[in-house]
N, C-alpha and C. Protein backbone atom coordinates (compact mmCIF):
# COMPACT_ATOMS: atom_id res chain seq x y z
N MET A 1 118.97 91.32 83.58
CA MET A 1 119.14 90.02 84.17
C MET A 1 119.55 89.00 83.11
N ASP A 2 119.07 89.20 81.89
CA ASP A 2 119.47 88.30 80.81
C ASP A 2 120.98 88.33 80.61
N HIS A 3 121.57 89.52 80.67
CA HIS A 3 123.02 89.67 80.50
C HIS A 3 123.79 88.99 81.64
N ALA A 4 123.17 88.82 82.79
CA ALA A 4 123.82 88.19 83.94
C ALA A 4 123.65 86.68 83.93
N GLY A 5 122.95 86.13 82.93
CA GLY A 5 122.80 84.69 82.81
C GLY A 5 121.47 84.13 83.30
N PHE A 6 120.54 84.98 83.65
CA PHE A 6 119.24 84.50 84.09
C PHE A 6 118.37 84.19 82.87
N VAL A 7 117.48 83.23 83.03
CA VAL A 7 116.53 82.88 81.97
C VAL A 7 115.12 82.97 82.54
N ARG A 8 114.15 82.96 81.64
CA ARG A 8 112.75 83.05 82.03
C ARG A 8 112.52 84.20 83.04
N THR A 9 113.03 85.36 82.69
CA THR A 9 112.84 86.51 83.57
C THR A 9 111.44 87.07 83.40
N ASP A 10 110.92 87.59 84.48
CA ASP A 10 109.57 88.14 84.47
C ASP A 10 109.48 89.19 85.57
N THR A 11 108.86 90.31 85.26
CA THR A 11 108.59 91.34 86.26
C THR A 11 107.09 91.44 86.43
N ARG A 12 106.67 91.46 87.69
CA ARG A 12 105.22 91.57 87.95
C ARG A 12 104.96 92.30 89.25
N GLU A 13 103.75 92.79 89.37
CA GLU A 13 103.33 93.45 90.60
C GLU A 13 103.16 92.40 91.69
N VAL A 14 103.79 92.62 92.84
CA VAL A 14 103.67 91.65 93.92
C VAL A 14 102.89 92.19 95.12
N GLN A 15 102.68 93.50 95.13
CA GLN A 15 101.91 94.08 96.23
C GLN A 15 101.29 95.38 95.76
N HIS A 16 100.04 95.60 96.15
CA HIS A 16 99.34 96.84 95.82
C HIS A 16 98.77 97.39 97.12
N LEU A 17 99.19 98.62 97.44
CA LEU A 17 98.80 99.22 98.72
C LEU A 17 98.09 100.56 98.50
N PRO A 18 96.82 100.52 98.11
CA PRO A 18 96.08 101.78 97.98
C PRO A 18 95.63 102.25 99.36
N ASP A 19 95.52 103.55 99.53
CA ASP A 19 95.03 104.09 100.80
C ASP A 19 94.43 105.46 100.55
N ASP A 20 93.48 105.82 101.35
CA ASP A 20 92.82 107.11 101.26
C ASP A 20 92.32 107.46 102.66
N VAL A 21 92.84 108.55 103.24
CA VAL A 21 92.47 108.92 104.60
C VAL A 21 92.18 110.41 104.68
N ASP A 22 91.36 110.76 105.64
CA ASP A 22 91.09 112.15 105.94
C ASP A 22 92.38 112.78 106.48
N ALA A 23 92.81 113.91 105.91
CA ALA A 23 94.09 114.52 106.28
C ALA A 23 94.12 114.94 107.74
N GLU A 24 93.05 115.54 108.23
CA GLU A 24 93.00 115.98 109.63
C GLU A 24 93.11 114.79 110.58
N GLU A 25 92.42 113.73 110.25
CA GLU A 25 92.47 112.50 111.06
C GLU A 25 93.90 111.91 111.04
N ALA A 26 94.54 111.93 109.88
CA ALA A 26 95.89 111.40 109.77
C ALA A 26 96.86 112.17 110.66
N LEU A 27 96.73 113.49 110.71
CA LEU A 27 97.59 114.29 111.58
C LEU A 27 97.28 114.03 113.05
N ARG A 28 96.01 113.97 113.38
CA ARG A 28 95.59 113.81 114.78
C ARG A 28 96.01 112.46 115.36
N THR A 29 95.96 111.42 114.55
CA THR A 29 96.25 110.07 115.05
C THR A 29 97.71 109.66 114.91
N GLY A 30 98.53 110.53 114.35
CA GLY A 30 99.95 110.20 114.21
C GLY A 30 100.27 109.36 112.99
N LEU A 31 99.33 109.26 112.07
CA LEU A 31 99.58 108.49 110.85
C LEU A 31 100.68 109.13 110.01
N ILE A 32 100.86 110.42 110.18
CA ILE A 32 101.94 111.13 109.49
C ILE A 32 103.04 111.38 110.52
N ALA A 33 104.09 110.59 110.42
CA ALA A 33 105.23 110.72 111.35
C ALA A 33 106.51 110.44 110.57
N PRO A 34 107.60 111.10 110.95
CA PRO A 34 108.84 110.97 110.18
C PRO A 34 109.33 109.53 109.96
N GLY A 35 109.20 108.68 110.94
CA GLY A 35 109.71 107.33 110.80
C GLY A 35 108.67 106.29 110.43
N LEU A 36 107.47 106.72 110.14
CA LEU A 36 106.39 105.76 109.89
C LEU A 36 106.57 104.98 108.60
N THR A 37 107.03 105.63 107.56
CA THR A 37 107.27 104.94 106.29
C THR A 37 108.67 105.29 105.80
N SER A 38 109.20 104.47 104.93
CA SER A 38 110.54 104.74 104.40
C SER A 38 110.55 106.03 103.59
N GLN A 39 109.44 106.38 102.96
CA GLN A 39 109.38 107.61 102.18
C GLN A 39 109.54 108.83 103.09
N LEU A 40 108.90 108.80 104.25
CA LEU A 40 109.00 109.94 105.16
C LEU A 40 110.33 109.94 105.92
N ALA A 41 110.90 108.78 106.13
CA ALA A 41 112.14 108.67 106.89
C ALA A 41 113.32 109.34 106.19
N VAL A 42 113.28 109.45 104.88
CA VAL A 42 114.41 110.05 104.16
C VAL A 42 114.35 111.58 104.12
N LEU A 43 113.25 112.16 104.57
CA LEU A 43 113.14 113.61 104.58
C LEU A 43 113.93 114.21 105.74
N THR A 44 114.48 115.39 105.53
CA THR A 44 115.08 116.12 106.64
C THR A 44 113.96 116.62 107.54
N ARG A 45 114.29 117.02 108.74
CA ARG A 45 113.26 117.57 109.65
C ARG A 45 112.59 118.79 109.03
N HIS A 46 113.39 119.61 108.36
CA HIS A 46 112.84 120.80 107.71
C HIS A 46 111.87 120.42 106.60
N GLU A 47 112.24 119.46 105.76
CA GLU A 47 111.37 119.02 104.67
C GLU A 47 110.07 118.42 105.21
N PHE A 48 110.19 117.61 106.26
CA PHE A 48 109.01 117.00 106.85
C PHE A 48 108.08 118.08 107.42
N ALA A 49 108.66 119.03 108.17
CA ALA A 49 107.86 120.11 108.76
C ALA A 49 107.18 120.95 107.68
N ALA A 50 107.89 121.21 106.59
CA ALA A 50 107.31 121.98 105.49
C ALA A 50 106.13 121.23 104.87
N GLY A 51 106.26 119.92 104.73
CA GLY A 51 105.16 119.11 104.18
C GLY A 51 103.94 119.12 105.09
N VAL A 52 104.17 118.98 106.39
CA VAL A 52 103.05 119.01 107.36
C VAL A 52 102.39 120.38 107.33
N ALA A 53 103.19 121.44 107.22
CA ALA A 53 102.63 122.79 107.14
C ALA A 53 101.75 122.94 105.91
N ARG A 54 102.17 122.37 104.78
CA ARG A 54 101.35 122.43 103.56
C ARG A 54 100.03 121.70 103.76
N ILE A 55 100.07 120.56 104.44
CA ILE A 55 98.84 119.81 104.72
C ILE A 55 97.92 120.64 105.61
N ARG A 56 98.47 121.24 106.67
CA ARG A 56 97.66 122.07 107.57
C ARG A 56 97.05 123.26 106.84
N THR A 57 97.80 123.87 105.94
CA THR A 57 97.29 125.00 105.15
C THR A 57 96.14 124.53 104.26
N ALA A 58 96.29 123.37 103.66
CA ALA A 58 95.22 122.83 102.81
C ALA A 58 93.97 122.54 103.63
N ILE A 59 94.15 121.99 104.83
CA ILE A 59 93.00 121.69 105.70
C ILE A 59 92.30 122.97 106.10
N ALA A 60 93.07 124.03 106.40
CA ALA A 60 92.47 125.31 106.79
C ALA A 60 91.62 125.88 105.67
N SER A 61 91.99 125.58 104.45
CA SER A 61 91.25 126.06 103.28
C SER A 61 90.06 125.17 102.95
N ASP A 62 90.18 123.88 103.25
CA ASP A 62 89.14 122.90 102.92
C ASP A 62 89.25 121.72 103.89
N SER A 63 88.35 121.65 104.85
CA SER A 63 88.43 120.63 105.90
C SER A 63 88.19 119.21 105.39
N SER A 64 87.81 119.07 104.14
CA SER A 64 87.55 117.73 103.60
C SER A 64 88.77 117.15 102.85
N VAL A 65 89.93 117.79 103.00
CA VAL A 65 91.14 117.33 102.31
C VAL A 65 91.45 115.89 102.70
N ARG A 66 91.80 115.10 101.69
CA ARG A 66 92.15 113.70 101.92
C ARG A 66 93.56 113.45 101.41
N LEU A 67 94.21 112.47 102.00
CA LEU A 67 95.52 112.04 101.55
C LEU A 67 95.35 110.67 100.92
N SER A 68 95.84 110.52 99.71
CA SER A 68 95.67 109.23 99.05
C SER A 68 97.00 108.74 98.51
N ALA A 69 97.10 107.43 98.42
CA ALA A 69 98.31 106.79 97.89
C ALA A 69 97.89 105.60 97.05
N ASP A 70 98.73 105.27 96.11
CA ASP A 70 98.50 104.09 95.27
C ASP A 70 99.86 103.45 95.00
N LEU A 71 100.41 102.86 96.05
CA LEU A 71 101.75 102.29 95.98
C LEU A 71 101.69 100.89 95.39
N ARG A 72 102.56 100.66 94.42
CA ARG A 72 102.66 99.34 93.78
C ARG A 72 104.11 98.89 93.86
N VAL A 73 104.31 97.67 94.32
CA VAL A 73 105.64 97.11 94.46
C VAL A 73 105.79 96.02 93.41
N TYR A 74 106.91 96.07 92.68
CA TYR A 74 107.17 95.11 91.62
C TYR A 74 108.40 94.28 91.97
N ALA A 75 108.44 93.06 91.49
CA ALA A 75 109.60 92.19 91.66
C ALA A 75 109.93 91.56 90.31
N THR A 76 111.21 91.35 90.12
CA THR A 76 111.67 90.68 88.91
C THR A 76 112.25 89.33 89.31
N TYR A 77 111.77 88.30 88.64
CA TYR A 77 112.19 86.92 88.92
C TYR A 77 112.99 86.38 87.75
N GLY A 78 113.83 85.45 88.04
CA GLY A 78 114.56 84.77 86.97
C GLY A 78 115.16 83.48 87.49
N SER A 79 115.52 82.60 86.58
CA SER A 79 116.16 81.33 86.92
C SER A 79 117.56 81.30 86.33
N VAL A 80 118.43 80.51 86.97
CA VAL A 80 119.79 80.34 86.43
C VAL A 80 119.97 78.94 85.89
C-alpha cells in the first residue's frame, strides 16, 4: 500500500470467530452444508462428500468428536 501512495497503513484483526461444536450435532442440524460458508461453497460435490464421510468415520470411531474453528479476519487500512 505504501508503493500505491497510502500513508499511515495498519493491518489489524477486525473479527474473531471461534467455534466448537459436537460433530454429530453439526451433521444432524445441517450446520455442515455445501453453501453454508464460503469455505464449503468452493468444494466440488465429490470433495464435500468425501469430507462428510471422513467426519462420519471419525464419529463411528469416537462419538465425542468435535469440530472446531478459529477464524480471524484481518483488514489493512491506509490514508491518501
